[in-house]
Amino acid sequence: MTRIDHMDLRADTEHSQSTAPSIPQGSCVQNGHISAAPMSPYRLSLCLLILGWSERELARRTGEHRTTLRRWLSGESDVDPAVAKWLDVLVAVHVANPGPRRKPLSVLGGEATPTPL
């Protein structure tokens, strides 16, 4: 077994252009060396809830059949990785930039009373 301090980290990587030490190819999700875990049915449901979309709307926007979406939501099959990545981006943008509200709701009071602006 080779000691870490004697390993040439640049030797077995695809980052030969880099001047900084690289991570050996293998288990690095951020750099695209391996794929991330598939989107869970719960996370897919949460994405639809955050975006305010129905199954039908997701089917319309992706071109997938509604039966396929039901299989994704029930866990019978894995969500298409391209759709999962696209939804993650949409949700991130939606959460970071929520739409304006004419009458902000008071969540703490338990009733829908407008707060002064």
C-alpha atoms as a PDB file:
ATOM      1  CA  MET A   1       0.000   0.000   0.000  1.00  0.00           C
ATOM      2  CA  THR A   2       1.368   3.398  -0.957  1.00  0.00           C
ATOM      3  CA  ARG A   3       1.618   6.089   1.682  1.00  0.00           C
ATOM      4  CA  ILE A   4      -0.399   9.210   0.960  1.00  0.00           C
ATOM      5  CA  ASP A   5       2.573  11.561   1.266  1.00  0.00           C
ATOM      6  CA  HIS A   6       4.359   9.584  -1.494  1.00  0.00           C
ATOM      7  CA  MET A   7       1.468   9.578  -3.991  1.00  0.00           C
ATOM      8  CA  ASP A   8       1.443  11.760  -7.080  1.00  0.00           C
ATOM      9  CA  LEU A   9      -2.133  13.016  -7.009  1.00  0.00           C
ATOM     10  CA  ARG A  10      -1.940  14.455 -10.524  1.00  0.00           C
ATOM     11  CA  ALA A  11      -0.892  11.227 -12.177  1.00  0.00           C
ATOM     12  CA  ASP A  12      -4.309   9.530 -12.434  1.00  0.00           C
ATOM     13  CA  THR A  13      -6.639  12.483 -12.865  1.00  0.00           C
ATOM     14  CA  GLU A  14      -8.267  14.230 -15.779  1.00  0.00           C
ATOM     15  CA  HIS A  15      -7.311  17.617 -14.340  1.00  0.00           C
ATOM     16  CA  SER A  16      -3.846  17.787 -15.885  1.00  0.00           C
ATOM     17  CA  GLN A  17      -4.299  21.455 -16.873  1.00  0.00           C
ATOM     18  CA  SER A  18      -4.646  22.491 -13.240  1.00  0.00           C
ATOM     19  CA  THR A  19      -1.638  23.780 -11.320  1.00  0.00           C
ATOM     20  CA  ALA A  20      -3.226  23.012  -7.950  1.00  0.00           C
ATOM     21  CA  PRO A  21      -3.128  19.494  -6.492  1.00  0.00           C
ATOM     22  CA  SER A  22      -6.096  17.471  -7.720  1.00  0.00           C
ATOM     23  CA  ILE A  23      -8.319  14.863  -6.176  1.00  0.00           C
ATOM     24  CA  PRO A  24      -7.795  11.395  -7.654  1.00  0.00           C
ATOM     25  CA  GLN A  25     -10.554  10.282  -9.991  1.00  0.00           C
ATOM     26  CA  GLY A  26     -13.199   8.298  -8.208  1.00  0.00           C
ATOM     27  CA  SER A  27     -15.678   9.363  -5.593  1.00  0.00           C
ATOM     28  CA  CYS A  28     -16.205  13.058  -6.276  1.00  0.00           C
ATOM     29  CA  VAL A  29     -19.819  14.004  -7.042  1.00  0.00           C
ATOM     30  CA  GLN A  30     -19.147  17.740  -7.469  1.00  0.00           C
ATOM     31  CA  ASN A  31     -16.619  17.194 -10.255  1.00  0.00           C
ATOM     32  CA  GLY A  32     -18.875  14.746 -12.075  1.00  0.00           C
ATOM     33  CA  HIS A  33     -16.723  11.668 -11.548  1.00  0.00           C
ATOM     34  CA  ILE A  34     -19.679   9.667 -10.245  1.00  0.00           C
ATOM     35  CA  SER A  35     -23.381  10.302 -10.474  1.00  0.00           C
ATOM     36  CA  ALA A  36     -25.353  11.556  -7.495  1.00  0.00           C
ATOM     37  CA  ALA A  37     -28.017   9.450  -5.809  1.00  0.00           C
ATOM     38  CA  PRO A  38     -31.322   9.356  -7.704  1.00  0.00           C
ATOM     39  CA  MET A  39     -34.079  11.755  -6.640  1.00  0.00           C
ATOM     40  CA  SER A  40     -36.375  10.152  -4.086  1.00  0.00           C
ATOM     41  CA  PRO A  41     -40.163  10.122  -4.522  1.00  0.00           C
ATOM     42  CA  TYR A  42     -40.441  12.351  -1.441  1.00  0.00           C
ATOM     43  CA  ARG A  43     -38.048  14.915  -2.903  1.00  0.00           C
ATOM     44  CA  LEU A  44     -39.933  14.855  -6.221  1.00  0.00           C
ATOM     45  CA  SER A  45     -43.202  15.492  -4.357  1.00  0.00           C
ATOM     46  CA  LEU A  46     -41.563  18.316  -2.429  1.00  0.00           C
ATOM     47  CA  CYS A  47     -40.315  19.899  -5.673  1.00  0.00           C
ATOM     48  CA  LEU A  48     -43.835  19.812  -7.115  1.00  0.00           C
ATOM     49  CA  LEU A  49     -45.242  21.335  -3.946  1.00  0.00           C
ATOM     50  CA  ILE A  50     -42.662  24.150  -3.867  1.00  0.00           C
ATOM     51  CA  LEU A  51     -43.201  24.961  -7.539  1.00  0.00           C
ATOM     52  CA  GLY A  52     -46.979  24.716  -7.208  1.00  0.00           C
ATOM     53  CA  TRP A  53     -47.182  22.136  -9.994  1.00  0.00           C
ATOM     54  CA  SER A  54     -49.400  19.103 -10.390  1.00  0.00           C
ATOM     55  CA  GLU A  55     -48.337  15.795 -11.916  1.00  0.00           C
ATOM     56  CA  ARG A  56     -50.103  16.892 -15.072  1.00  0.00           C
ATOM     57  CA  GLU A  57     -48.097  20.143 -15.238  1.00  0.00           C
ATOM     58  CA  LEU A  58     -44.786  18.289 -14.788  1.00  0.00           C
ATOM     59  CA  ALA A  59     -45.834  15.838 -17.512  1.00  0.00           C
ATOM     60  CA  ARG A  60     -46.653  18.722 -19.840  1.00  0.00           C
ATOM     61  CA  ARG A  61     -43.352  20.483 -19.205  1.00  0.00           C
ATOM     62  CA  THR A  62     -41.152  17.373 -19.486  1.00  0.00           C
ATOM     63  CA  GLY A  63     -42.999  15.469 -22.196  1.00  0.00           C
ATOM     64  CA  GLU A  64     -43.194  12.394 -19.958  1.00  0.00           C
ATOM     65  CA  HIS A  65     -46.349  10.308 -19.747  1.00  0.00           C
ATOM     66  CA  ARG A  66     -48.359  10.746 -16.553  1.00  0.00           C
ATOM     67  CA  THR A  67     -48.027   7.021 -15.831  1.00  0.00           C
ATOM     68  CA  THR A  68     -44.242   7.447 -15.792  1.00  0.00           C
ATOM     69  CA  LEU A  69     -44.589  10.311 -13.305  1.00  0.00           C
ATOM     70  CA  ARG A  70     -46.817   8.206 -11.081  1.00  0.00           C
ATOM     71  CA  ARG A  71     -44.163   5.480 -11.114  1.00  0.00           C
ATOM     72  CA  TRP A  72     -41.544   8.054 -10.115  1.00  0.00           C
ATOM     73  CA  LEU A  73     -43.756   9.350  -7.289  1.00  0.00           C
ATOM     74  CA  SER A  74     -44.540   5.842  -6.009  1.00  0.00           C
ATOM     75  CA  GLY A  75     -40.891   4.753  -6.165  1.00  0.00           C
ATOM     76  CA  GLU A  76     -41.544   2.027  -8.742  1.00  0.00           C
ATOM     77  CA  SER A  77     -38.877   3.537 -11.020  1.00  0.00           C
ATOM     78  CA  ASP A  78     -36.103   6.112 -10.702  1.00  0.00           C
ATOM     79  CA  VAL A  79     -36.637   9.714 -11.717  1.00  0.00           C
ATOM     80  CA  ASP A  80     -34.872  10.616 -14.965  1.00  0.00           C
ATOM     81  CA  PRO A  81     -31.559  12.225 -13.858  1.00  0.00           C
ATOM     82  CA  ALA A  82     -31.947  15.093 -16.353  1.00  0.00           C
ATOM     83  CA  VAL A  83     -35.420  15.903 -14.976  1.00  0.00           C
ATOM     84  CA  ALA A  84     -34.146  15.622 -11.388  1.00  0.00           C
ATOM     85  CA  LYS A  85     -31.301  18.040 -12.075  1.00  0.00           C
ATOM     86  CA  TRP A  86     -33.644  20.464 -13.863  1.00  0.00           C
ATOM     87  CA  LEU A  87     -36.129  20.382 -10.972  1.00  0.00           C
ATOM     88  CA  ASP A  88     -33.354  20.970  -8.433  1.00  0.00           C
ATOM     89  CA  VAL A  89     -32.294  24.095 -10.325  1.00  0.00           C
ATOM     90  CA  LEU A  90     -35.876  25.364 -10.669  1.00  0.00           C
ATOM     91  CA  VAL A  91     -36.594  24.841  -6.972  1.00  0.00           C
ATOM     92  CA  ALA A  92     -33.353  26.565  -5.947  1.00  0.00           C
ATOM     93  CA  VAL A  93     -34.195  29.596  -8.088  1.00  0.00           C
ATOM     94  CA  HIS A  94     -37.808  29.619  -6.887  1.00  0.00           C
ATOM     95  CA  VAL A  95     -36.801  29.469  -3.214  1.00  0.00           C
ATOM     96  CA  ALA A  96     -34.095  32.132  -3.639  1.00  0.00           C
ATOM     97  CA  ASN A  97     -36.460  34.476  -5.554  1.00  0.00           C
ATOM     98  CA  PRO A  98     -40.021  34.070  -4.283  1.00  0.00           C
ATOM     99  CA  GLY A  99     -42.721  35.974  -6.111  1.00  0.00           C
ATOM    100  CA  PRO A 100     -44.047  39.194  -4.618  1.00  0.00           C
ATOM    101  CA  ARG A 101     -47.184  39.112  -2.477  1.00  0.00           C
ATOM    102  CA  ARG A 102     -49.717  41.907  -2.420  1.00  0.00           C
ATOM    103  CA  LYS A 103     -50.727  41.048   1.131  1.00  0.00           C
ATOM    104  CA  PRO A 104     -48.041  39.240   3.155  1.00  0.00           C
ATOM    105  CA  LEU A 105     -49.521  36.630   5.465  1.00  0.00           C
ATOM    106  CA  SER A 106     -48.853  36.558   9.178  1.00  0.00           C
ATOM    107  CA  VAL A 107     -47.791  32.986   9.831  1.00  0.00           C
ATOM    108  CA  LEU A 108     -47.366  33.414  13.590  1.00  0.00           C
ATOM    109  CA  GLY A 109     -50.871  34.781  14.188  1.00  0.00           C
ATOM    110  CA  GLY A 110     -52.538  31.794  12.563  1.00  0.00           C
ATOM    111  CA  GLU A 111     -54.857  33.977  10.479  1.00  0.00           C
ATOM    112  CA  ALA A 112     -54.485  35.620   7.119  1.00  0.00           C
ATOM    113  CA  THR A 113     -53.958  39.204   8.248  1.00  0.00           C
ATOM    114  CA  PRO A 114     -51.945  41.603   6.135  1.00  0.00           C
ATOM    115  CA  THR A 115     -48.855  43.039   7.805  1.00  0.00           C
ATOM    116  CA  PRO A 116     -48.091  46.736   7.413  1.00  0.00           C
ATOM    117  CA  LEU A 117     -45.530  47.559   4.772  1.00  0.00           C
END
